[in-house]
């Protein structure tokens, strides 16, 4: 009985507070946005906003300059690559096409800024692309790091050194120049139009 009374009192208090806040239109409009930010930071993900391999995202460039259309293209899993062996068990290689779509050059944020690429394992653990021996895997065609010039595009790649459990059906995350997160659900096996080429690049 006491629990019901407490719940009723809380409901009445909430209603009273809502009524009191109706005078400021701008504040009322901004309240849902603040609440959404809190939900996002708590780790709750809206799965309806998660894309698939091959889908493009329009993102803001590093420092808020320019626009990059980013398309994760191919994913390959390998125990070895570029003369290196995965320290954690599996190199997960994702290639992507970065295209500048405005009149200024644009680039991906540097990892040191907290932006760029991350891998979220099925259990929710987030792994940066500089993991294990991943930074030692270099592929000539995908080793582009200069800002993308207007109207041009580059092929890039990110390599994650993961455990087999982390690699099995994870989510690729990209944080752009305005700290907005973009997510792609990744297959658990090799997929994409350039699998053979990526494997050939990994042999060197």
Protein backbone atom coordinates (compact mmCIF):
# COMPACT_ATOMS: atom_id res chain seq x y z
CA UNK A 1 0.00 0.00 0.00
CA UNK A 2 2.83 2.35 0.88
CA UNK A 3 4.53 1.59 -2.48
CA UNK A 4 1.37 2.55 -4.40
CA UNK A 5 1.00 5.79 -2.45
CA UNK A 6 4.63 6.70 -3.12
CA UNK A 7 4.20 6.02 -6.84
CA UNK A 8 1.05 8.14 -6.96
CA UNK A 9 2.80 10.99 -5.13
CA UNK A 10 5.72 10.82 -7.57
CA UNK A 11 3.33 10.92 -10.53
CA UNK A 12 1.55 14.01 -9.14
CA UNK A 13 4.89 15.74 -8.48
CA UNK A 14 6.05 15.00 -12.04
CA UNK A 15 2.82 16.41 -13.45
CA UNK A 16 3.20 19.58 -11.38
CA UNK A 17 6.79 20.09 -12.52
CA UNK A 18 5.77 19.59 -16.15
CA UNK A 19 3.02 22.18 -15.84
CA UNK A 20 5.39 24.71 -14.27
CA UNK A 21 7.92 24.33 -17.11
CA UNK A 22 5.48 25.13 -19.90
CA UNK A 23 6.33 28.85 -20.08
CA UNK A 24 9.75 28.62 -21.83
CA UNK A 25 9.28 27.26 -25.35
CA UNK A 26 12.99 26.95 -26.14
CA UNK A 27 13.77 25.10 -22.91
CA UNK A 28 10.89 22.71 -23.43
CA UNK A 29 12.11 21.93 -26.96
CA UNK A 30 15.67 21.28 -25.82
CA UNK A 31 14.75 18.91 -22.99
CA UNK A 32 14.21 15.84 -25.20
CA UNK A 33 17.60 16.42 -26.85
CA UNK A 34 19.38 16.44 -23.48
CA UNK A 35 17.58 13.26 -22.47
CA UNK A 36 18.54 11.58 -25.75
CA UNK A 37 22.21 12.48 -25.21
CA UNK A 38 22.15 10.86 -21.77
CA UNK A 39 20.62 7.68 -23.20
CA UNK A 40 23.26 7.56 -25.92
CA UNK A 41 26.13 7.92 -23.45
CA UNK A 42 24.71 5.21 -21.24
CA UNK A 43 25.33 2.69 -24.03
CA UNK A 44 21.78 2.27 -25.35
CA UNK A 45 21.87 1.94 -29.13
CA UNK A 46 18.98 2.51 -31.52
CA UNK A 47 19.43 -0.54 -33.76
CA UNK A 48 17.18 0.98 -36.44
CA UNK A 49 19.97 3.49 -37.12
CA UNK A 50 22.62 0.77 -37.63
CA UNK A 51 23.71 0.37 -41.25
CA UNK A 52 25.07 -2.64 -43.13
CA UNK A 53 28.35 -3.27 -44.96
CA UNK A 54 28.20 -1.31 -48.23
CA UNK A 55 25.93 1.45 -46.87
CA UNK A 56 27.19 5.05 -47.11
CA UNK A 57 27.10 7.68 -44.37
CA UNK A 58 27.45 11.44 -44.81
CA UNK A 59 29.86 12.58 -42.10
CA UNK A 60 31.55 15.82 -41.00
CA UNK A 61 35.29 16.06 -41.54
CA UNK A 62 37.95 16.55 -38.90
CA UNK A 63 37.57 19.83 -37.02
CA UNK A 64 34.13 20.35 -38.56
CA UNK A 65 35.66 21.05 -41.98
CA UNK A 66 34.15 19.55 -45.13
CA UNK A 67 31.99 16.49 -45.64
CA UNK A 68 33.08 12.89 -46.16
CA UNK A 69 30.80 10.25 -47.62
CA UNK A 70 32.14 7.09 -46.01
CA UNK A 71 31.30 3.59 -47.25
CA UNK A 72 32.69 0.48 -45.49
CA UNK A 73 33.21 -1.82 -48.45
CA UNK A 74 34.82 -5.14 -47.53
CA UNK A 75 35.65 -7.13 -44.40
CA UNK A 76 38.26 -9.89 -44.14
CA UNK A 77 39.29 -12.03 -41.16
CA UNK A 78 42.84 -13.44 -41.03
CA UNK A 79 45.23 -14.82 -38.44
CA UNK A 80 48.20 -13.30 -40.28
CA UNK A 81 48.72 -10.24 -42.46
CA UNK A 82 51.59 -8.08 -43.66
CA UNK A 83 54.08 -10.46 -42.10
CA UNK A 84 52.43 -10.10 -38.68
CA UNK A 85 50.48 -12.59 -36.56
CA UNK A 86 47.40 -11.41 -34.67
CA UNK A 87 48.31 -11.14 -30.99
CA UNK A 88 44.71 -11.72 -29.92
CA UNK A 89 43.82 -14.33 -32.52
CA UNK A 90 42.15 -12.57 -35.48
CA UNK A 91 42.99 -9.58 -37.65
CA UNK A 92 39.71 -7.99 -38.70
CA UNK A 93 40.34 -5.84 -41.78
CA UNK A 94 37.69 -3.38 -42.96
CA UNK A 95 38.20 -1.32 -46.11
CA UNK A 96 36.30 1.88 -46.75
CA UNK A 97 35.82 4.47 -49.49
CA UNK A 98 36.13 8.09 -48.31
CA UNK A 99 34.75 10.68 -50.75
CA UNK A 100 34.84 14.47 -50.25
CA UNK A 101 31.48 15.89 -51.30
CA UNK A 102 31.93 19.63 -50.70
CA UNK A 103 34.23 22.31 -52.10
CA UNK A 104 36.84 21.88 -49.36
CA UNK A 105 39.16 19.01 -48.47
CA UNK A 106 38.03 16.77 -45.62
CA UNK A 107 39.69 14.16 -43.44
CA UNK A 108 38.84 11.62 -40.76
CA UNK A 109 39.49 12.73 -37.17
CA UNK A 110 42.72 11.46 -35.63
CA UNK A 111 42.28 8.65 -33.07
CA UNK A 112 44.05 10.78 -30.44
CA UNK A 113 41.05 13.15 -30.55
CA UNK A 114 38.68 10.32 -29.64
CA UNK A 115 37.23 10.20 -33.14
CA UNK A 116 37.70 7.79 -36.03
CA UNK A 117 37.12 4.05 -36.04
CA UNK A 118 36.28 1.59 -33.27
CA UNK A 119 35.00 -1.98 -33.11
CA UNK A 120 32.20 -2.99 -30.75
CA UNK A 121 32.19 -6.70 -29.90
CA UNK A 122 28.89 -8.62 -29.58
CA UNK A 123 29.04 -8.26 -25.78
CA UNK A 124 29.42 -4.46 -26.03
CA UNK A 125 33.18 -4.15 -25.44
CA UNK A 126 34.69 -1.37 -27.58
CA UNK A 127 38.15 -1.90 -29.10
CA UNK A 128 40.22 0.86 -30.75
CA UNK A 129 41.77 0.05 -34.11
CA UNK A 130 45.24 0.40 -32.56
CA UNK A 131 45.05 -2.97 -30.79
CA UNK A 132 47.49 -5.84 -30.52
CA UNK A 133 49.59 -5.96 -33.70
CA UNK A 134 47.02 -4.15 -35.86
CA UNK A 135 49.15 -1.06 -36.48
CA UNK A 136 51.87 -3.21 -38.07
CA UNK A 137 49.58 -4.44 -40.87
CA UNK A 138 50.05 -2.21 -43.93
CA UNK A 139 48.38 -2.66 -47.33
CA UNK A 140 49.65 -0.50 -50.17
CA UNK A 141 46.35 0.30 -51.88
CA UNK A 142 44.58 1.15 -48.63
CA UNK A 143 47.40 3.05 -46.92
CA UNK A 144 45.98 6.54 -47.64
CA UNK A 145 46.04 9.15 -44.90
CA UNK A 146 46.04 12.56 -46.60
CA UNK A 147 42.96 14.81 -46.54
CA UNK A 148 40.58 13.94 -49.37
CA UNK A 149 40.42 16.70 -51.96
CA UNK A 150 37.08 18.09 -53.22
CA UNK A 151 35.39 15.72 -55.66
CA UNK A 152 37.98 13.00 -55.06
CA UNK A 153 37.95 9.78 -53.04
CA UNK A 154 40.43 7.48 -51.32
CA UNK A 155 40.46 3.83 -50.35
CA UNK A 156 41.40 3.31 -46.73
CA UNK A 157 41.46 0.40 -44.30
CA UNK A 158 41.29 -0.16 -40.57
CA UNK A 159 42.71 -3.28 -38.95
CA UNK A 160 41.60 -4.54 -35.54
CA UNK A 161 43.46 -7.26 -33.60
CA UNK A 162 40.60 -9.11 -31.88
CA UNK A 163 39.83 -12.30 -30.03
CA UNK A 164 37.64 -14.76 -31.99
CA UNK A 165 34.69 -13.89 -29.72
CA UNK A 166 35.12 -10.15 -30.30
CA UNK A 167 35.30 -10.61 -34.07
CA UNK A 168 32.19 -12.74 -34.45
CA UNK A 169 29.49 -10.38 -35.71
CA UNK A 170 30.60 -7.07 -34.24
CA UNK A 171 29.63 -3.46 -34.97
CA UNK A 172 31.90 -0.98 -36.74
CA UNK A 173 31.69 2.52 -35.21
CA UNK A 174 32.90 5.79 -36.71
CA UNK A 175 33.02 9.08 -34.76
CA UNK A 176 33.13 12.09 -37.10
CA UNK A 177 34.40 15.66 -36.70
CA UNK A 178 31.29 16.72 -34.79
CA UNK A 179 31.47 13.68 -32.47
CA UNK A 180 28.46 12.06 -34.14
CA UNK A 181 28.55 8.25 -34.12
CA UNK A 182 27.79 6.10 -37.16
CA UNK A 183 27.37 2.32 -36.88
CA UNK A 184 27.53 -0.58 -39.29
CA UNK A 185 26.65 -4.17 -38.35
CA UNK A 186 29.48 -6.35 -39.61
CA UNK A 187 29.24 -9.91 -40.98
CA UNK A 188 31.01 -12.68 -39.06
CA UNK A 189 32.69 -14.01 -42.24
CA UNK A 190 34.57 -12.48 -45.18
CA UNK A 191 32.25 -10.27 -47.22
CA UNK A 192 32.29 -7.49 -49.81
CA UNK A 193 33.43 -7.04 -53.42
CA UNK A 194 37.17 -6.82 -52.69
CA UNK A 195 37.79 -9.89 -50.48
CA UNK A 196 40.26 -11.48 -52.92
CA UNK A 197 42.20 -8.24 -53.35
CA UNK A 198 42.42 -7.59 -49.61
CA UNK A 199 43.69 -11.12 -49.01
CA UNK A 200 46.33 -10.62 -51.70
CA UNK A 201 47.41 -7.34 -50.06
CA UNK A 202 47.70 -9.10 -46.70
CA UNK A 203 50.17 -11.63 -48.15
CA UNK A 204 52.93 -9.02 -48.40
